[in-house]
Amino acid sequence: MIRETTDAPLLRRNSFHVDETAARLIEFDSADDLDAVFGRGRPEVWYALGGGNNILFTQRFEGTLIKPAAAGIEAIGEDADSVTIRAAAATEWDDMVAWCVDHGLWGAENLSLIPGTVGAAPVQNIGAYGAEAADIIHRVEVYDTHRREHITLGKADCRFAYRDSIFKHEFRSRTVITSVEMRLGKRPAPNLAYGDLLSHVEARGGASLRNIRDAVCTIRRGKLPDTDILGNAGSFFKNPVVDRATGERLRSEDPSCPLYPAADPAKCKLAAGWLIDRAGLKGYRSGRVGVHERQALVLVNFGGATGGEVMALARHVQSVVLDRFGVEIEPEVNIL
């Protein structure tokens, strides 16, 4: 079934609580519905909207938002070491993680409590606590609006990288993700090297799936604001990847500067939150927007702010960090 709304209000469809509208919103229940949607003619401007948790509307969207509505999880394959599941695009990501933990399957637990839908996860290659969606994604099922056909992309075809994928480049405004297949392990494989996750898990009695999930949820709730109470999109900025010389320079200036390995051995990853904090901006407020007092990566809407106000704050943060450290930080959030 297809439901279409004109002048669609978006206040409750984005976690930043920005009060904008879209010229048209189309919600669909089945992947086959997309044949009918795009059979009418491909909209000149359109965007696939998931849960609205990683997006900032800076103005009225003068196009068509395409939103999947089908949710659900099923096991579709199994071998000696793993189980493959398929989750429909509108499934809440954390519901999928909870399902995996409840069924004793390893690989998703570090990604607990990340807001958003399964269909949005491959686009951003979401990640947390030393894990990424790409670690467990096996295949992604999409509708190609140019060819008007359903296709399946293998993991390599998705070109996953740090907070990046083909869906942010060639396939942006071309494909609609309808479901995601993920491969989870049957045998224990705890990933506890990131931050203070190990100590939290040990305090709960050791590295079980349930203990890891509970620890991640506790840490996230302690650092990140509830989107139902305070408008935000989680981490607003990517952790910047810089050359080793820059990383070592910052470490020499302040030994507490975190350095993480990058895909390129000649480079390293910095913690954007640490840079923003050390620049004196944690807790900074400008009118109706600000930098969260507990997590400097998070920009918040205290109520009634426009997307333009959020972007003005983001540019200020970028400018201060660049002046202080000589490092550019980029938004992780999709800007429309």
Protein backbone atom coordinates (compact mmCIF):
# COMPACT_ATOMS: atom_id res chain seq x y z
CA MET A 1 0.00 0.00 0.00
CA ILE A 2 1.14 3.52 -0.81
CA ARG A 3 0.24 6.60 1.25
CA GLU A 4 0.94 10.07 -0.11
CA THR A 5 0.92 13.37 1.78
CA THR A 6 1.44 16.84 0.34
CA ASP A 7 2.94 19.65 2.43
CA ALA A 8 3.97 16.95 4.89
CA PRO A 9 4.98 18.21 8.36
CA LEU A 10 8.42 16.95 9.40
CA LEU A 11 8.62 18.06 13.03
CA ARG A 12 7.96 14.51 14.29
CA ARG A 13 9.95 12.90 11.48
CA ASN A 14 13.39 14.20 12.42
CA SER A 15 15.20 13.78 15.72
CA PHE A 16 16.48 17.37 15.65
CA HIS A 17 12.83 18.47 16.08
CA VAL A 18 13.18 21.02 13.27
CA ASP A 19 9.76 22.29 12.18
CA GLU A 20 10.00 22.04 8.39
CA THR A 21 7.78 20.56 5.70
CA ALA A 22 8.21 18.50 2.54
CA ALA A 23 6.35 19.19 -0.67
CA ARG A 24 5.43 15.50 -0.84
CA LEU A 25 5.90 12.41 1.34
CA ILE A 26 5.32 8.90 0.03
CA GLU A 27 5.24 5.95 2.44
CA PHE A 28 5.25 2.40 1.07
CA ASP A 29 4.64 -0.97 2.70
CA SER A 30 6.13 -3.37 0.19
CA ALA A 31 9.25 -3.26 -1.97
CA ASP A 32 6.97 -3.98 -4.94
CA ASP A 33 5.13 -0.71 -4.23
CA LEU A 34 8.17 1.14 -5.55
CA ASP A 35 7.38 -0.10 -9.06
CA ALA A 36 4.12 1.83 -8.84
CA VAL A 37 5.70 4.89 -7.17
CA PHE A 38 8.38 5.32 -9.80
CA GLY A 39 6.19 4.01 -12.61
CA ARG A 40 4.37 7.33 -12.48
CA GLY A 41 7.59 9.08 -13.37
CA ARG A 42 10.76 9.61 -11.41
CA PRO A 43 10.53 12.71 -9.17
CA GLU A 44 13.08 15.35 -10.15
CA VAL A 45 14.16 15.78 -6.53
CA TRP A 46 13.69 13.03 -3.98
CA TYR A 47 15.32 11.58 -0.87
CA ALA A 48 14.88 8.28 0.97
CA LEU A 49 13.93 9.04 4.58
CA GLY A 50 14.52 6.51 7.34
CA GLY A 51 13.87 7.29 10.97
CA GLY A 52 15.05 10.89 10.60
CA ASN A 53 17.82 10.34 13.17
CA ASN A 54 20.78 11.38 11.05
CA ILE A 55 19.39 14.29 9.08
CA LEU A 56 19.08 18.04 9.44
CA PHE A 57 16.45 19.91 7.45
CA THR A 58 17.65 23.46 6.91
CA GLN A 59 14.68 24.55 4.78
CA ARG A 60 11.44 23.26 3.29
CA PHE A 61 12.19 20.19 1.19
CA GLU A 62 10.88 21.04 -2.26
CA GLY A 63 10.83 17.46 -3.46
CA THR A 64 9.53 14.02 -2.57
CA LEU A 65 10.53 12.06 0.52
CA ILE A 66 10.30 8.30 0.03
CA LYS A 67 9.82 6.42 3.31
CA PRO A 68 9.63 2.63 3.84
CA ALA A 69 7.08 1.45 6.38
CA ALA A 70 7.61 -2.33 6.49
CA ALA A 71 9.41 -3.78 9.51
CA GLY A 72 10.34 -7.29 10.55
CA ILE A 73 13.22 -9.72 11.11
CA GLU A 74 13.65 -13.30 9.89
CA ALA A 75 16.44 -15.87 9.83
CA ILE A 76 17.14 -16.91 6.24
CA GLY A 77 20.28 -19.05 6.44
CA GLU A 78 22.56 -20.92 8.79
CA ASP A 79 25.85 -22.77 8.76
CA ALA A 80 28.17 -24.17 11.42
CA ASP A 81 29.47 -20.76 12.45
CA SER A 82 26.82 -18.17 11.60
CA VAL A 83 23.19 -17.24 11.05
CA THR A 84 22.07 -14.89 8.29
CA ILE A 85 19.06 -12.70 8.99
CA ARG A 86 17.04 -10.32 6.87
CA ALA A 87 15.55 -7.15 8.38
CA ALA A 88 13.11 -4.91 6.54
CA ALA A 89 14.19 -1.30 6.08
CA ALA A 90 11.77 0.27 8.57
CA THR A 91 12.83 -2.06 11.41
CA GLU A 92 14.28 -0.09 14.30
CA TRP A 93 18.01 -0.78 14.40
CA ASP A 94 18.06 -1.36 18.14
CA ASP A 95 15.15 -3.82 17.87
CA MET A 96 17.32 -5.79 15.46
CA VAL A 97 20.28 -5.70 17.88
CA ALA A 98 18.04 -6.85 20.75
CA TRP A 99 16.72 -9.70 18.55
CA CYS A 100 20.28 -10.86 17.85
CA VAL A 101 21.22 -10.78 21.53
CA ASP A 102 18.04 -12.64 22.50
CA HIS A 103 18.90 -15.35 19.93
CA GLY A 104 22.51 -15.69 21.09
CA LEU A 105 24.03 -14.20 17.94
CA TRP A 106 27.29 -12.21 18.04
CA GLY A 107 28.34 -9.13 16.11
CA ALA A 108 25.67 -6.48 16.65
CA GLU A 109 25.90 -6.01 20.44
CA ASN A 110 28.38 -3.10 20.37
CA LEU A 111 25.93 -1.24 18.13
CA SER A 112 23.19 -1.22 20.76
CA LEU A 113 20.93 1.79 21.26
CA ILE A 114 21.94 3.58 18.05
CA PRO A 115 18.78 5.40 16.97
CA GLY A 116 17.40 4.96 13.46
CA THR A 117 16.23 2.24 11.12
CA VAL A 118 17.93 -0.76 9.55
CA GLY A 119 17.51 0.75 6.08
CA ALA A 120 19.46 3.86 7.06
CA ALA A 121 22.36 1.95 8.63
CA PRO A 122 24.23 0.99 5.42
CA VAL A 123 24.09 4.55 4.08
CA GLN A 124 26.12 5.97 6.93
CA ASN A 125 27.84 2.71 7.85
CA ILE A 126 26.88 3.50 11.42
CA GLY A 127 29.30 2.57 14.14
CA ALA A 128 30.13 2.73 17.83
CA TYR A 129 32.48 1.18 20.39
CA GLY A 130 34.89 -0.27 17.86
CA ALA A 131 32.25 -1.81 15.59
CA GLU A 132 30.53 -0.81 12.34
CA ALA A 133 27.41 -1.95 10.53
CA ALA A 134 29.69 -3.13 7.71
CA ASP A 135 31.14 -5.74 10.08
CA ILE A 136 27.88 -7.71 9.98
CA ILE A 137 26.17 -6.62 6.74
CA HIS A 138 26.15 -9.42 4.15
CA ARG A 139 23.96 -7.99 1.39
CA VAL A 140 21.70 -4.98 0.83
CA GLU A 141 18.50 -5.21 -1.17
CA VAL A 142 17.60 -2.02 -3.03
CA TYR A 143 15.29 -0.65 -5.69
CA ASP A 144 17.22 1.01 -8.52
CA THR A 145 15.07 3.93 -9.68
CA HIS A 146 17.08 4.42 -12.89
CA ARG A 147 16.66 0.83 -14.08
CA ARG A 148 13.33 0.43 -12.26
CA GLU A 149 14.27 -2.96 -10.88
CA HIS A 150 15.12 -4.65 -7.60
CA ILE A 151 18.78 -5.57 -7.18
CA THR A 152 20.95 -7.04 -4.44
CA LEU A 153 24.35 -5.59 -3.58
CA GLY A 154 27.04 -7.68 -1.95
CA LYS A 155 29.09 -6.21 0.85
CA ALA A 156 31.97 -5.30 -1.47
CA ASP A 157 29.57 -3.57 -3.88
CA CYS A 158 28.50 -1.22 -1.06
CA ARG A 159 32.03 0.23 -0.81
CA PHE A 160 31.83 0.69 2.94
CA ALA A 161 34.32 3.03 4.58
CA TYR A 162 34.35 5.11 7.76
CA ARG A 163 30.83 6.61 7.93
CA ASP A 164 30.60 6.20 4.17
CA SER A 165 29.20 3.96 1.44
CA ILE A 166 28.17 3.96 -2.19
CA PHE A 167 24.73 5.13 -1.02
CA LYS A 168 26.21 8.56 -0.22
CA HIS A 169 27.76 8.87 -3.68
CA GLU A 170 26.72 7.20 -6.96
CA PHE A 171 23.61 5.65 -5.45
CA ARG A 172 22.44 8.78 -3.64
CA SER A 173 19.04 9.77 -5.08
CA ARG A 174 19.13 6.61 -7.20
CA THR A 175 18.37 3.67 -4.90
CA VAL A 176 15.93 2.97 -2.09
CA ILE A 177 17.06 0.37 0.45
CA THR A 178 14.25 -2.12 1.12
CA SER A 179 15.96 -4.68 3.37
CA VAL A 180 19.37 -5.63 4.75
CA GLU A 181 20.83 -9.10 5.21
CA MET A 182 23.25 -9.51 8.12
CA ARG A 183 25.49 -12.40 9.10
CA LEU A 184 25.95 -12.97 12.86
CA GLY A 185 28.26 -15.37 14.64
CA LYS A 186 27.21 -18.32 16.79
CA ARG A 187 30.41 -18.39 18.83
CA PRO A 188 31.45 -15.77 21.41
CA ALA A 189 33.50 -12.96 19.86
CA PRO A 190 33.56 -10.06 22.33
CA ASN A 191 34.95 -6.76 21.06
CA LEU A 192 35.87 -4.81 24.18
CA ALA A 193 38.91 -2.78 23.19
CA TYR A 194 37.16 0.57 22.78
CA GLY A 195 37.25 3.10 25.62
CA ASP A 196 36.02 1.92 28.99
CA LEU A 197 33.71 -0.77 27.62
CA LEU A 198 35.82 -3.60 29.08
CA SER A 199 35.60 -2.27 32.64
CA HIS A 200 31.82 -1.81 32.35
CA VAL A 201 31.42 -5.37 31.07
CA GLU A 202 33.68 -6.87 33.75
CA ALA A 203 31.70 -5.03 36.42
CA ARG A 204 28.62 -6.91 35.17
CA GLY A 205 30.29 -10.29 35.48
CA GLY A 206 32.07 -10.83 32.17
CA ALA A 207 31.74 -10.81 28.42
CA SER A 208 28.31 -12.27 27.72
CA LEU A 209 26.11 -10.86 24.97
CA ARG A 210 23.65 -9.50 27.52
CA ASN A 211 26.36 -7.88 29.62
CA ILE A 212 27.95 -6.20 26.60
CA ARG A 213 24.62 -4.88 25.37
CA ASP A 214 23.68 -3.61 28.84
CA ALA A 215 27.07 -1.95 29.24
CA VAL A 216 26.85 -0.18 25.88
CA CYS A 217 23.32 1.01 26.64
CA THR A 218 24.39 2.32 30.05
CA ILE A 219 27.37 4.19 28.61
CA ARG A 220 25.32 5.71 25.79
CA ARG A 221 22.51 6.82 28.11
CA GLY A 222 25.07 8.46 30.39
CA LYS A 223 26.63 10.49 27.58
CA LEU A 224 23.95 11.10 24.98
CA PRO A 225 20.73 13.10 25.34
CA ASP A 226 17.35 11.44 24.76
CA THR A 227 16.00 12.67 21.41
CA ASP A 228 12.47 12.60 22.84
CA ILE A 229 13.53 15.30 25.30
CA LEU A 230 16.26 17.26 23.53
CA GLY A 231 16.46 17.54 19.75
CA ASN A 232 19.69 16.09 18.35
CA ALA A 233 21.04 13.65 15.78
CA GLY A 234 23.63 11.92 17.93
CA SER A 235 27.20 12.51 16.80
CA PHE A 236 27.10 15.53 14.52
CA PHE A 237 30.72 15.35 13.35
CA LYS A 238 32.92 12.57 12.00
CA ASN A 239 36.16 11.71 13.75
CA PRO A 240 38.76 13.28 11.42
CA VAL A 241 41.39 11.12 9.74
CA VAL A 242 44.75 12.92 9.55
CA ASP A 243 48.33 12.13 8.63
CA ARG A 244 50.51 10.59 11.34
CA ALA A 245 52.60 13.75 11.68
CA THR A 246 49.52 15.77 12.62
CA GLY A 247 48.42 13.15 15.12
CA GLU A 248 51.84 12.99 16.75
CA ARG A 249 52.02 16.79 16.87
CA LEU A 250 48.75 16.95 18.78
CA ARG A 251 49.84 14.11 21.06
CA SER A 252 53.09 15.92 21.82
CA GLU A 253 51.17 19.07 22.68
CA ASP A 254 48.75 17.14 24.89
CA PRO A 255 49.55 13.51 25.81
CA SER A 256 45.87 12.87 26.53
CA CYS A 257 44.99 13.30 22.83
CA PRO A 258 43.41 10.01 21.67
CA LEU A 259 44.82 8.47 18.49
CA TYR A 260 43.11 5.55 16.75
CA PRO A 261 44.27 3.46 13.78
CA ALA A 262 42.91 4.33 10.34
CA ALA A 263 42.45 2.18 7.24
CA ASP A 264 45.55 3.83 5.77
CA PRO A 265 48.55 2.93 7.99
CA ALA A 266 50.12 6.32 7.17
CA LYS A 267 47.19 8.04 8.86
CA CYS A 268 45.38 8.00 12.18
CA LYS A 269 41.95 8.92 13.46
CA LEU A 270 41.36 11.66 16.00
CA ALA A 271 38.43 12.01 18.38
CA ALA A 272 36.31 14.95 17.21
CA GLY A 273 34.63 15.13 20.61
CA TRP A 274 38.02 15.52 22.31
CA LEU A 275 38.97 18.33 19.89
CA ILE A 276 35.70 20.18 20.51
CA ASP A 277 36.01 19.72 24.26
CA ARG A 278 39.62 20.92 24.35
CA ALA A 279 38.62 23.90 22.22
CA GLY A 280 36.41 24.97 25.12
CA LEU A 281 33.08 24.32 23.42
CA LYS A 282 31.54 21.52 25.47
CA GLY A 283 28.39 23.01 27.01
CA TYR A 284 28.59 26.09 24.75
CA ARG A 285 25.20 27.61 23.97
CA SER A 286 24.06 30.10 21.36
CA GLY A 287 20.40 31.01 21.66
CA ARG A 288 18.23 27.98 20.99
CA VAL A 289 21.12 25.63 20.06
CA GLY A 290 24.25 24.41 21.77
CA VAL A 291 26.94 21.78 22.26
CA HIS A 292 25.79 19.12 24.70
CA GLU A 293 27.27 19.43 28.17
CA ARG A 294 28.19 15.73 28.46
CA GLN A 295 29.15 14.86 24.88
CA ALA A 296 30.84 17.51 22.75
CA LEU A 297 30.10 15.61 19.52
CA VAL A 298 26.40 16.27 19.95
CA LEU A 299 24.73 19.50 18.87
CA VAL A 300 21.32 20.06 20.42
CA ASN A 301 18.13 21.99 19.76
CA PHE A 302 16.87 23.33 23.09
CA GLY A 303 13.51 24.03 21.49
CA GLY A 304 12.20 25.91 18.48
CA ALA A 305 15.51 26.18 16.64
CA THR A 306 15.69 26.12 12.86
CA GLY A 307 18.03 23.97 10.85
CA GLY A 308 19.83 27.16 9.88
CA GLU A 309 20.58 27.89 13.53
CA VAL A 310 22.01 24.41 13.99
CA MET A 311 24.21 24.83 10.91
CA ALA A 312 25.44 28.22 12.11
CA LEU A 313 26.52 26.55 15.35
CA ALA A 314 28.18 23.72 13.42
CA ARG A 315 30.19 26.19 11.33
CA HIS A 316 31.26 28.00 14.50
CA VAL A 317 32.48 24.73 16.04
CA GLN A 318 34.36 23.84 12.86
CA SER A 319 36.02 27.27 12.77
CA VAL A 320 37.13 27.18 16.41
CA VAL A 321 38.55 23.65 16.09
CA LEU A 322 40.41 24.58 12.89
CA ASP A 323 41.90 27.70 14.50
CA ARG A 324 42.90 25.83 17.67
CA PHE A 325 44.27 22.59 16.19
CA GLY A 326 44.64 23.08 12.44
CA VAL A 327 42.24 20.16 11.88
CA GLU A 328 39.04 20.23 9.83
CA ILE A 329 36.03 18.32 11.12
CA GLU A 330 33.14 17.40 8.83
CA PRO A 331 29.47 16.76 9.59
CA GLU A 332 28.36 13.15 9.88
CA VAL A 333 24.73 14.26 9.64
CA ASN A 334 23.03 14.51 6.24
CA ILE A 335 22.17 18.14 5.50
CA LEU A 336 19.09 18.94 3.40
